[in-house]
Amino acid sequence: MNTTTEDMLAKLGLQPRMSMRDYLLPALGVFGLGMLAGAGITLFAMPGVRRQLRDRLRRGAAKVQEAAEEITDEAEERRVGKGKITDLPGNGKGHPSAAGEVSH
């Protein structure tokens, strides 16, 4: 059986010594999260930045609404267009008619 240093220390009731990395990485992570949270709060607390962000969101929403309306209009035109007589088979576009006639 292969006994490691950690196993021996555990049998003696001791624990391995923590390295600088074991302390530093979690501390830097918490510090980074704190900085991000502070920056976010600062941006939203500043009236000018908040106004710019709101305007950008409104313009983006307007663009999305325009695109959705265009798509809806196109879909409606296609739906209505399918019911026209000119779009039925046998309309002179080389398609046989529904009665089985073949264009000559």
PDB file of N, CA and C in Angstrom:
ATOM      1  N   MET A   1       0.833  -1.175   0.000  1.00  0.00           N
ATOM      2  CA  MET A   1       0.000   0.000   0.000  1.00  0.00           C
ATOM      3  C   MET A   1       0.880   1.240   0.000  1.00  0.00           C
ATOM      4  N   ASN A   2       0.481   2.224  -0.804  1.00  0.00           N
ATOM      5  CA  ASN A   2       1.273   3.434  -0.975  1.00  0.00           C
ATOM      6  C   ASN A   2       0.730   4.530  -0.069  1.00  0.00           C
ATOM      7  N   THR A   3       1.476   4.927   0.923  1.00  0.00           N
ATOM      8  CA  THR A   3       1.042   5.945   1.868  1.00  0.00           C
ATOM      9  C   THR A   3       1.613   7.288   1.451  1.00  0.00           C
ATOM     10  N   THR A   4       0.740   8.293   1.389  1.00  0.00           N
ATOM     11  CA  THR A   4       1.194   9.625   0.991  1.00  0.00           C
ATOM     12  C   THR A   4       1.482  10.467   2.225  1.00  0.00           C
ATOM     13  N   THR A   5       2.070  11.600   1.997  1.00  0.00           N
ATOM     14  CA  THR A   5       2.384  12.521   3.085  1.00  0.00           C
ATOM     15  C   THR A   5       1.100  12.973   3.777  1.00  0.00           C
ATOM     16  N   GLU A   6       0.056  13.228   2.970  1.00  0.00           N
ATOM     17  CA  GLU A   6      -1.219  13.673   3.548  1.00  0.00           C
ATOM     18  C   GLU A   6      -1.818  12.587   4.441  1.00  0.00           C
ATOM     19  N   ASP A   7      -1.671  11.293   4.048  1.00  0.00           N
ATOM     20  CA  ASP A   7      -2.177  10.190   4.866  1.00  0.00           C
ATOM     21  C   ASP A   7      -1.453  10.136   6.201  1.00  0.00           C
ATOM     22  N   MET A   8      -0.149  10.310   6.157  1.00  0.00           N
ATOM     23  CA  MET A   8       0.648  10.256   7.403  1.00  0.00           C
ATOM     24  C   MET A   8       0.269  11.411   8.330  1.00  0.00           C
ATOM     25  N   LEU A   9       0.119  12.601   7.770  1.00  0.00           N
ATOM     26  CA  LEU A   9      -0.261  13.753   8.586  1.00  0.00           C
ATOM     27  C   LEU A   9      -1.652  13.558   9.185  1.00  0.00           C
ATOM     28  N   ALA A  10      -2.583  12.984   8.402  1.00  0.00           N
ATOM     29  CA  ALA A  10      -3.937  12.737   8.900  1.00  0.00           C
ATOM     30  C   ALA A  10      -3.912  11.746  10.051  1.00  0.00           C
ATOM     31  N   LYS A  11      -3.055  10.706   9.997  1.00  0.00           N
ATOM     32  CA  LYS A  11      -2.950   9.723  11.079  1.00  0.00           C
ATOM     33  C   LYS A  11      -2.426  10.361  12.356  1.00  0.00           C
ATOM     34  N   LEU A  12      -1.595  11.389  12.197  1.00  0.00           N
ATOM     35  CA  LEU A  12      -1.042  12.082  13.362  1.00  0.00           C
ATOM     36  C   LEU A  12      -1.975  13.199  13.855  1.00  0.00           C
ATOM     37  N   GLY A  13      -3.070  13.428  13.126  1.00  0.00           N
ATOM     38  CA  GLY A  13      -4.000  14.482  13.526  1.00  0.00           C
ATOM     39  C   GLY A  13      -3.566  15.855  13.057  1.00  0.00           C
ATOM     40  N   LEU A  14      -2.730  15.891  12.072  1.00  0.00           N
ATOM     41  CA  LEU A  14      -2.233  17.155  11.539  1.00  0.00           C
ATOM     42  C   LEU A  14      -2.777  17.355  10.119  1.00  0.00           C
ATOM     43  N   GLN A  15      -2.571  18.526   9.570  1.00  0.00           N
ATOM     44  CA  GLN A  15      -2.968  18.770   8.188  1.00  0.00           C
ATOM     45  C   GLN A  15      -1.784  19.336   7.416  1.00  0.00           C
ATOM     46  N   PRO A  16      -1.804  19.170   6.093  1.00  0.00           N
ATOM     47  CA  PRO A  16      -0.683  19.684   5.308  1.00  0.00           C
ATOM     48  C   PRO A  16      -0.653  21.211   5.336  1.00  0.00           C
ATOM     49  N   ARG A  17       0.521  21.729   5.152  1.00  0.00           N
ATOM     50  CA  ARG A  17       0.714  23.176   5.154  1.00  0.00           C
ATOM     51  C   ARG A  17       0.141  23.759   3.862  1.00  0.00           C
ATOM     52  N   MET A  18      -0.613  24.848   3.972  1.00  0.00           N
ATOM     53  CA  MET A  18      -1.198  25.489   2.802  1.00  0.00           C
ATOM     54  C   MET A  18      -0.163  26.399   2.154  1.00  0.00           C
ATOM     55  N   SER A  19      -0.124  26.338   0.847  1.00  0.00           N
ATOM     56  CA  SER A  19       0.824  27.178   0.127  1.00  0.00           C
ATOM     57  C   SER A  19       0.234  28.571  -0.090  1.00  0.00           C
ATOM     58  N   MET A  20       1.062  29.452  -0.602  1.00  0.00           N
ATOM     59  CA  MET A  20       0.617  30.808  -0.892  1.00  0.00           C
ATOM     60  C   MET A  20      -0.499  30.787  -1.936  1.00  0.00           C
ATOM     61  N   ARG A  21      -0.411  29.885  -2.888  1.00  0.00           N
ATOM     62  CA  ARG A  21      -1.420  29.769  -3.939  1.00  0.00           C
ATOM     63  C   ARG A  21      -2.783  29.408  -3.340  1.00  0.00           C
ATOM     64  N   ASP A  22      -2.803  28.573  -2.332  1.00  0.00           N
ATOM     65  CA  ASP A  22      -4.053  28.177  -1.688  1.00  0.00           C
ATOM     66  C   ASP A  22      -4.768  29.365  -1.029  1.00  0.00           C
ATOM     67  N   TYR A  23      -4.019  30.372  -0.628  1.00  0.00           N
ATOM     68  CA  TYR A  23      -4.601  31.571  -0.044  1.00  0.00           C
ATOM     69  C   TYR A  23      -4.906  32.629  -1.106  1.00  0.00           C
ATOM     70  N   LEU A  24      -4.008  32.753  -2.063  1.00  0.00           N
ATOM     71  CA  LEU A  24      -4.065  33.847  -3.017  1.00  0.00           C
ATOM     72  C   LEU A  24      -5.197  33.711  -4.033  1.00  0.00           C
ATOM     73  N   LEU A  25      -5.392  32.530  -4.619  1.00  0.00           N
ATOM     74  CA  LEU A  25      -6.409  32.369  -5.661  1.00  0.00           C
ATOM     75  C   LEU A  25      -7.830  32.675  -5.177  1.00  0.00           C
ATOM     76  N   PRO A  26      -8.266  32.143  -4.047  1.00  0.00           N
ATOM     77  CA  PRO A  26      -9.614  32.517  -3.583  1.00  0.00           C
ATOM     78  C   PRO A  26      -9.732  34.010  -3.256  1.00  0.00           C
ATOM     79  N   ALA A  27      -8.684  34.578  -2.699  1.00  0.00           N
ATOM     80  CA  ALA A  27      -8.716  36.006  -2.362  1.00  0.00           C
ATOM     81  C   ALA A  27      -8.838  36.848  -3.628  1.00  0.00           C
ATOM     82  N   LEU A  28      -8.096  36.500  -4.673  1.00  0.00           N
ATOM     83  CA  LEU A  28      -8.187  37.246  -5.930  1.00  0.00           C
ATOM     84  C   LEU A  28      -9.558  37.077  -6.584  1.00  0.00           C
ATOM     85  N   GLY A  29     -10.124  35.892  -6.479  1.00  0.00           N
ATOM     86  CA  GLY A  29     -11.457  35.670  -7.030  1.00  0.00           C
ATOM     87  C   GLY A  29     -12.508  36.528  -6.358  1.00  0.00           C
ATOM     88  N   VAL A  30     -12.480  36.580  -5.043  1.00  0.00           N
ATOM     89  CA  VAL A  30     -13.435  37.396  -4.291  1.00  0.00           C
ATOM     90  C   VAL A  30     -13.209  38.883  -4.593  1.00  0.00           C
ATOM     91  N   PHE A  31     -11.957  39.287  -4.682  1.00  0.00           N
ATOM     92  CA  PHE A  31     -11.636  40.681  -4.989  1.00  0.00           C
ATOM     93  C   PHE A  31     -12.158  41.056  -6.384  1.00  0.00           C
ATOM     94  N   GLY A  32     -11.965  40.170  -7.362  1.00  0.00           N
ATOM     95  CA  GLY A  32     -12.439  40.420  -8.727  1.00  0.00           C
ATOM     96  C   GLY A  32     -13.953  40.535  -8.787  1.00  0.00           C
ATOM     97  N   LEU A  33     -14.657  39.650  -8.102  1.00  0.00           N
ATOM     98  CA  LEU A  33     -16.120  39.734  -8.067  1.00  0.00           C
ATOM     99  C   LEU A  33     -16.587  41.036  -7.425  1.00  0.00           C
ATOM    100  N   GLY A  34     -15.896  41.449  -6.395  1.00  0.00           N
ATOM    101  CA  GLY A  34     -16.233  42.715  -5.743  1.00  0.00           C
ATOM    102  C   GLY A  34     -16.031  43.905  -6.669  1.00  0.00           C
ATOM    103  N   MET A  35     -14.960  43.867  -7.446  1.00  0.00           N
ATOM    104  CA  MET A  35     -14.702  44.945  -8.403  1.00  0.00           C
ATOM    105  C   MET A  35     -15.786  44.987  -9.477  1.00  0.00           C
ATOM    106  N   LEU A  36     -16.175  43.827  -9.999  1.00  0.00           N
ATOM    107  CA  LEU A  36     -17.230  43.790 -11.015  1.00  0.00           C
ATOM    108  C   LEU A  36     -18.552  44.310 -10.463  1.00  0.00           C
ATOM    109  N   ALA A  37     -18.889  43.905  -9.262  1.00  0.00           N
ATOM    110  CA  ALA A  37     -20.129  44.373  -8.649  1.00  0.00           C
ATOM    111  C   ALA A  37     -20.084  45.886  -8.437  1.00  0.00           C
ATOM    112  N   GLY A  38     -18.971  46.392  -7.969  1.00  0.00           N
ATOM    113  CA  GLY A  38     -18.824  47.836  -7.756  1.00  0.00           C
ATOM    114  C   GLY A  38     -18.915  48.616  -9.049  1.00  0.00           C
ATOM    115  N   ALA A  39     -18.296  48.102 -10.103  1.00  0.00           N
ATOM    116  CA  ALA A  39     -18.356  48.780 -11.402  1.00  0.00           C
ATOM    117  C   ALA A  39     -19.786  48.793 -11.928  1.00  0.00           C
ATOM    118  N   GLY A  40     -20.494  47.681 -11.780  1.00  0.00           N
ATOM    119  CA  GLY A  40     -21.884  47.626 -12.233  1.00  0.00           C
ATOM    120  C   GLY A  40     -22.768  48.601 -11.482  1.00  0.00           C
ATOM    121  N   ILE A  41     -22.606  48.657 -10.182  1.00  0.00           N
ATOM    122  CA  ILE A  41     -23.404  49.585  -9.367  1.00  0.00           C
ATOM    123  C   ILE A  41     -23.083  51.025  -9.748  1.00  0.00           C
ATOM    124  N   THR A  42     -21.815  51.314  -9.979  1.00  0.00           N
ATOM    125  CA  THR A  42     -21.413  52.665 -10.362  1.00  0.00           C
ATOM    126  C   THR A  42     -22.022  53.061 -11.693  1.00  0.00           C
ATOM    127  N   LEU A  43     -21.994  52.162 -12.664  1.00  0.00           N
ATOM    128  CA  LEU A  43     -22.561  52.477 -13.979  1.00  0.00           C
ATOM    129  C   LEU A  43     -24.054  52.760 -13.900  1.00  0.00           C
ATOM    130  N   PHE A  44     -24.764  51.978 -13.133  1.00  0.00           N
ATOM    131  CA  PHE A  44     -26.209  52.177 -13.034  1.00  0.00           C
ATOM    132  C   PHE A  44     -26.572  53.359 -12.143  1.00  0.00           C
ATOM    133  N   ALA A  45     -25.656  53.785 -11.283  1.00  0.00           N
ATOM    134  CA  ALA A  45     -25.935  54.901 -10.392  1.00  0.00           C
ATOM    135  C   ALA A  45     -25.687  56.243 -11.074  1.00  0.00           C
ATOM    136  N   MET A  46     -24.902  56.257 -12.144  1.00  0.00           N
ATOM    137  CA  MET A  46     -24.594  57.506 -12.834  1.00  0.00           C
ATOM    138  C   MET A  46     -25.744  57.852 -13.788  1.00  0.00           C
ATOM    139  N   PRO A  47     -26.364  59.025 -13.633  1.00  0.00           N
ATOM    140  CA  PRO A  47     -27.521  59.382 -14.449  1.00  0.00           C
ATOM    141  C   PRO A  47     -27.221  59.387 -15.950  1.00  0.00           C
ATOM    142  N   GLY A  48     -26.090  59.903 -16.362  1.00  0.00           N
ATOM    143  CA  GLY A  48     -25.755  59.971 -17.786  1.00  0.00           C
ATOM    144  C   GLY A  48     -25.621  58.597 -18.406  1.00  0.00           C
ATOM    145  N   VAL A  49     -24.946  57.722 -17.731  1.00  0.00           N
ATOM    146  CA  VAL A  49     -24.752  56.366 -18.243  1.00  0.00           C
ATOM    147  C   VAL A  49     -26.083  55.631 -18.265  1.00  0.00           C
ATOM    148  N   ARG A  50     -26.870  55.819 -17.227  1.00  0.00           N
ATOM    149  CA  ARG A  50     -28.171  55.150 -17.156  1.00  0.00           C
ATOM    150  C   ARG A  50     -29.068  55.618 -18.308  1.00  0.00           C
ATOM    151  N   ARG A  51     -29.035  56.901 -18.607  1.00  0.00           N
ATOM    152  CA  ARG A  51     -29.851  57.461 -19.688  1.00  0.00           C
ATOM    153  C   ARG A  51     -29.383  56.900 -21.041  1.00  0.00           C
ATOM    154  N   GLN A  52     -28.058  56.851 -21.240  1.00  0.00           N
ATOM    155  CA  GLN A  52     -27.524  56.303 -22.494  1.00  0.00           C
ATOM    156  C   GLN A  52     -27.917  54.841 -22.662  1.00  0.00           C
ATOM    157  N   LEU A  53     -27.817  54.083 -21.604  1.00  0.00           N
ATOM    158  CA  LEU A  53     -28.182  52.673 -21.662  1.00  0.00           C
ATOM    159  C   LEU A  53     -29.662  52.511 -21.978  1.00  0.00           C
ATOM    160  N   ARG A  54     -30.496  53.306 -21.350  1.00  0.00           N
ATOM    161  CA  ARG A  54     -31.934  53.246 -21.607  1.00  0.00           C
ATOM    162  C   ARG A  54     -32.243  53.603 -23.060  1.00  0.00           C
ATOM    163  N   ASP A  55     -31.570  54.630 -23.601  1.00  0.00           N
ATOM    164  CA  ASP A  55     -31.777  55.021 -25.000  1.00  0.00           C
ATOM    165  C   ASP A  55     -31.335  53.917 -25.958  1.00  0.00           C
ATOM    166  N   ARG A  56     -30.210  53.304 -25.669  1.00  0.00           N
ATOM    167  CA  ARG A  56     -29.740  52.196 -26.516  1.00  0.00           C
ATOM    168  C   ARG A  56     -30.736  51.042 -26.510  1.00  0.00           C
ATOM    169  N   LEU A  57     -31.245  50.723 -25.331  1.00  0.00           N
ATOM    170  CA  LEU A  57     -32.220  49.641 -25.232  1.00  0.00           C
ATOM    171  C   LEU A  57     -33.501  49.982 -25.990  1.00  0.00           C
ATOM    172  N   ARG A  58     -33.937  51.227 -25.915  1.00  0.00           N
ATOM    173  CA  ARG A  58     -35.142  51.635 -26.651  1.00  0.00           C
ATOM    174  C   ARG A  58     -34.924  51.529 -28.160  1.00  0.00           C
ATOM    175  N   ARG A  59     -33.766  52.004 -28.645  1.00  0.00           N
ATOM    176  CA  ARG A  59     -33.480  51.911 -30.084  1.00  0.00           C
ATOM    177  C   ARG A  59     -33.415  50.463 -30.532  1.00  0.00           C
ATOM    178  N   GLY A  60     -32.789  49.626 -29.740  1.00  0.00           N
ATOM    179  CA  GLY A  60     -32.711  48.209 -30.073  1.00  0.00           C
ATOM    180  C   GLY A  60     -34.083  47.562 -30.097  1.00  0.00           C
ATOM    181  N   ALA A  61     -34.925  47.913 -29.134  1.00  0.00           N
ATOM    182  CA  ALA A  61     -36.280  47.351 -29.092  1.00  0.00           C
ATOM    183  C   ALA A  61     -37.083  47.824 -30.296  1.00  0.00           C
ATOM    184  N   ALA A  62     -36.887  49.071 -30.705  1.00  0.00           N
ATOM    185  CA  ALA A  62     -37.605  49.586 -31.872  1.00  0.00           C
ATOM    186  C   ALA A  62     -37.175  48.839 -33.138  1.00  0.00           C
ATOM    187  N   LYS A  63     -35.876  48.560 -33.264  1.00  0.00           N
ATOM    188  CA  LYS A  63     -35.380  47.803 -34.426  1.00  0.00           C
ATOM    189  C   LYS A  63     -35.962  46.397 -34.453  1.00  0.00           C
ATOM    190  N   VAL A  64     -36.019  45.768 -33.307  1.00  0.00           N
ATOM    191  CA  VAL A  64     -36.580  44.412 -33.229  1.00  0.00           C
ATOM    192  C   VAL A  64     -38.064  44.454 -33.594  1.00  0.00           C
ATOM    193  N   GLN A  65     -38.775  45.471 -33.119  1.00  0.00           N
ATOM    194  CA  GLN A  65     -40.199  45.585 -33.427  1.00  0.00           C
ATOM    195  C   GLN A  65     -40.404  45.801 -34.926  1.00  0.00           C
ATOM    196  N   GLU A  66     -39.586  46.642 -35.556  1.00  0.00           N
ATOM    197  CA  GLU A  66     -39.701  46.873 -37.004  1.00  0.00           C
ATOM    198  C   GLU A  66     -39.442  45.588 -37.776  1.00  0.00           C
ATOM    199  N   ALA A  67     -38.416  44.857 -37.388  1.00  0.00           N
ATOM    200  CA  ALA A  67     -38.098  43.600 -38.076  1.00  0.00           C
ATOM    201  C   ALA A  67     -39.234  42.592 -37.916  1.00  0.00           C
ATOM    202  N   ALA A  68     -39.818  42.525 -36.731  1.00  0.00           N
ATOM    203  CA  ALA A  68     -40.928  41.597 -36.502  1.00  0.00           C
ATOM    204  C   ALA A  68     -42.136  41.983 -37.352  1.00  0.00           C
ATOM    205  N   GLU A  69     -42.402  43.287 -37.483  1.00  0.00           N
ATOM    206  CA  GLU A  69     -43.520  43.738 -38.311  1.00  0.00           C
ATOM    207  C   GLU A  69     -43.291  43.402 -39.783  1.00  0.00           C
ATOM    208  N   GLU A  70     -42.044  43.569 -40.261  1.00  0.00           N
ATOM    209  CA  GLU A  70     -41.729  43.229 -41.650  1.00  0.00           C
ATOM    210  C   GLU A  70     -41.932  41.737 -41.905  1.00  0.00           C
ATOM    211  N   ILE A  71     -41.481  40.931 -40.999  1.00  0.00           N
ATOM    212  CA  ILE A  71     -41.631  39.481 -41.150  1.00  0.00           C
ATOM    213  C   ILE A  71     -43.105  39.102 -41.135  1.00  0.00           C
ATOM    214  N   THR A  72     -43.866  39.733 -40.245  1.00  0.00           N
ATOM    215  CA  THR A  72     -45.298  39.458 -40.176  1.00  0.00           C
ATOM    216  C   THR A  72     -45.990  39.860 -41.474  1.00  0.00           C
ATOM    217  N   ASP A  73     -45.630  41.029 -42.008  1.00  0.00           N
ATOM    218  CA  ASP A  73     -46.216  41.483 -43.269  1.00  0.00           C
ATOM    219  C   ASP A  73     -45.889  40.532 -44.412  1.00  0.00           C
ATOM    220  N   GLU A  74     -44.626  40.095 -44.485  1.00  0.00           N
ATOM    221  CA  GLU A  74     -44.227  39.147 -45.536  1.00  0.00           C
ATOM    222  C   GLU A  74     -44.993  37.836 -45.415  1.00  0.00           C
ATOM    223  N   ALA A  75     -45.125  37.340 -44.212  1.00  0.00           N
ATOM    224  CA  ALA A  75     -45.852  36.085 -44.006  1.00  0.00           C
ATOM    225  C   ALA A  75     -47.311  36.239 -44.395  1.00  0.00           C
ATOM    226  N   GLU A  76     -47.908  37.378 -44.077  1.00  0.00           N
ATOM    227  CA  GLU A  76     -49.310  37.624 -44.439  1.00  0.00           C
ATOM    228  C   GLU A  76     -49.461  37.705 -45.954  1.00  0.00           C
ATOM    229  N   GLU A  77     -48.507  38.376 -46.631  1.00  0.00           N
ATOM    230  CA  GLU A  77     -48.564  38.471 -48.093  1.00  0.00           C
ATOM    231  C   GLU A  77     -48.449  37.084 -48.727  1.00  0.00           C
ATOM    232  N   ARG A  78     -47.572  36.266 -48.209  1.00  0.00           N
ATOM    233  CA  ARG A  78     -47.417  34.909 -48.747  1.00  0.00           C
ATOM    234  C   ARG A  78     -48.674  34.079 -48.505  1.00  0.00           C
ATOM    235  N   ARG A  79     -49.262  34.230 -47.328  1.00  0.00           N
ATOM    236  CA  ARG A  79     -50.468  33.467 -47.005  1.00  0.00           C
ATOM    237  C   ARG A  79     -51.612  33.884 -47.919  1.00  0.00           C
ATOM    238  N   VAL A  80     -51.813  35.169 -48.097  1.00  0.00           N
ATOM    239  CA  VAL A  80     -52.875  35.675 -48.957  1.00  0.00           C
ATOM    240  C   VAL A  80     -52.563  35.345 -50.415  1.00  0.00           C
ATOM    241  N   GLY A  81     -51.299  35.421 -50.804  1.00  0.00           N
ATOM    242  CA  GLY A  81     -50.887  35.157 -52.186  1.00  0.00           C
ATOM    243  C   GLY A  81     -51.141  33.726 -52.605  1.00  0.00           C
ATOM    244  N   LYS A  82     -51.119  32.793 -51.691  1.00  0.00           N
ATOM    245  CA  LYS A  82     -51.335  31.385 -52.030  1.00  0.00           C
ATOM    246  C   LYS A  82     -52.772  31.116 -52.441  1.00  0.00           C
ATOM    247  N   GLY A  83     -53.685  31.970 -52.031  1.00  0.00           N
ATOM    248  CA  GLY A  83     -55.088  31.764 -52.360  1.00  0.00           C
ATOM    249  C   GLY A  83     -55.496  32.372 -53.692  1.00  0.00           C
ATOM    250  N   LYS A  84     -54.593  33.087 -54.364  1.00  0.00           N
ATOM    251  CA  LYS A  84     -54.928  33.731 -55.632  1.00  0.00           C
ATOM    252  C   LYS A  84     -55.024  32.709 -56.750  1.00  0.00           C
ATOM    253  N   ILE A  85     -55.842  32.998 -57.734  1.00  0.00           N
ATOM    254  CA  ILE A  85     -56.029  32.104 -58.875  1.00  0.00           C
ATOM    255  C   ILE A  85     -54.743  31.992 -59.680  1.00  0.00           C
ATOM    256  N   THR A  86     -53.952  33.041 -59.751  1.00  0.00           N
ATOM    257  CA  THR A  86     -52.732  33.010 -60.552  1.00  0.00           C
ATOM    258  C   THR A  86     -51.694  32.063 -59.969  1.00  0.00           C
ATOM    259  N   ASP A  87     -51.820  31.708 -58.714  1.00  0.00           N
ATOM    260  CA  ASP A  87     -50.847  30.824 -58.095  1.00  0.00           C
ATOM    261  C   ASP A  87     -51.276  29.360 -58.127  1.00  0.00           C
ATOM    262  N   LEU A  88     -52.438  29.061 -58.676  1.00  0.00           N
ATOM    263  CA  LEU A  88     -52.921  27.686 -58.723  1.00  0.00           C
ATOM    264  C   LEU A  88     -52.269  26.943 -59.879  1.00  0.00           C
ATOM    265  N   PRO A  89     -52.167  25.613 -59.795  1.00  0.00           N
ATOM    266  CA  PRO A  89     -51.605  24.835 -60.899  1.00  0.00           C
ATOM    267  C   PRO A  89     -52.428  25.031 -62.162  1.00  0.00           C
ATOM    268  N   GLY A  90     -51.777  24.961 -63.333  1.00  0.00           N
ATOM    269  CA  GLY A  90     -52.455  25.107 -64.612  1.00  0.00           C
ATOM    270  C   GLY A  90     -52.738  26.544 -64.959  1.00  0.00           C
ATOM    271  N   ASN A  91     -51.963  27.459 -64.445  1.00  0.00           N
ATOM    272  CA  ASN A  91     -52.214  28.874 -64.666  1.00  0.00           C
ATOM    273  C   ASN A  91     -51.399  29.445 -65.830  1.00  0.00           C
ATOM    274  N   GLY A  92     -50.878  28.585 -66.669  1.00  0.00           N
ATOM    275  CA  GLY A  92     -50.097  29.068 -67.793  1.00  0.00           C
ATOM    276  C   GLY A  92     -48.619  29.140 -67.517  1.00  0.00           C
ATOM    277  N   LYS A  93     -48.193  28.666 -66.372  1.00  0.00           N
ATOM    278  CA  LYS A  93     -46.774  28.679 -66.020  1.00  0.00           C
ATOM    279  C   LYS A  93     -46.133  27.327 -66.283  1.00  0.00           C
ATOM    280  N   GLY A  94     -46.822  26.476 -67.091  1.00  0.00           N
ATOM    281  CA  GLY A  94     -46.247  25.182 -67.403  1.00  0.00           C
ATOM    282  C   GLY A  94     -46.671  24.087 -66.456  1.00  0.00           C
ATOM    283  N   HIS A  95     -47.520  24.414 -65.479  1.00  0.00           N
ATOM    284  CA  HIS A  95     -47.995  23.415 -64.534  1.00  0.00           C
ATOM    285  C   HIS A  95     -49.281  22.789 -65.072  1.00  0.00           C
ATOM    286  N   PRO A  96     -49.492  21.505 -64.928  1.00  0.00           N
ATOM    287  CA  PRO A  96     -50.779  20.914 -65.329  1.00  0.00           C
ATOM    288  C   PRO A  96     -51.869  21.387 -64.393  1.00  0.00           C
ATOM    289  N   SER A  97     -53.067  21.504 -64.887  1.00  0.00           N
ATOM    290  CA  SER A  97     -54.183  21.967 -64.071  1.00  0.00           C
ATOM    291  C   SER A  97     -54.656  20.851 -63.155  1.00  0.00           C
ATOM    292  N   ALA A  98     -55.533  21.180 -62.250  1.00  0.00           N
ATOM    293  CA  ALA A  98     -56.045  20.205 -61.289  1.00  0.00           C
ATOM    294  C   ALA A  98     -56.870  19.131 -61.980  1.00  0.00           C
ATOM    295  N   ALA A  99     -57.464  19.428 -63.165  1.00  0.00           N
ATOM    296  CA  ALA A  99     -58.300  18.464 -63.866  1.00  0.00           C
ATOM    297  C   ALA A  99     -57.478  17.458 -64.651  1.00  0.00           C
ATOM    298  N   GLY A 100     -56.175  17.578 -64.606  1.00  0.00           N
ATOM    299  CA  GLY A 100     -55.315  16.615 -65.285  1.00  0.00           C
ATOM    300  C   GLY A 100     -54.913  17.047 -66.690  1.00  0.00           C
ATOM    301  N   GLU A 101     -55.235  18.270 -67.090  1.00  0.00           N
ATOM    302  CA  GLU A 101     -54.855  18.754 -68.409  1.00  0.00           C
ATOM    303  C   GLU A 101     -53.362  18.970 -68.442  1.00  0.00           C
ATOM    304  N   VAL A 102     -52.779  18.758 -69.579  1.00  0.00           N
ATOM    305  CA  VAL A 102     -51.365  19.005 -69.759  1.00  0.00           C
ATOM    306  C   VAL A 102     -51.225  20.132 -70.739  1.00  0.00           C
ATOM    307  N   SER A 103     -50.424  21.129 -70.412  1.00  0.00           N
ATOM    308  CA  SER A 103     -50.254  22.262 -71.313  1.00  0.00           C
ATOM    309  C   SER A 103     -49.432  21.829 -72.504  1.00  0.00           C
ATOM    310  N   HIS A 104     -49.834  22.279 -73.718  1.00  0.00           N
ATOM    311  CA  HIS A 104     -49.149  21.889 -74.945  1.00  0.00           C
ATOM    312  C   HIS A 104     -48.250  22.945 -75.435  1.00  0.00           C
TER     313      HIS A 104
END
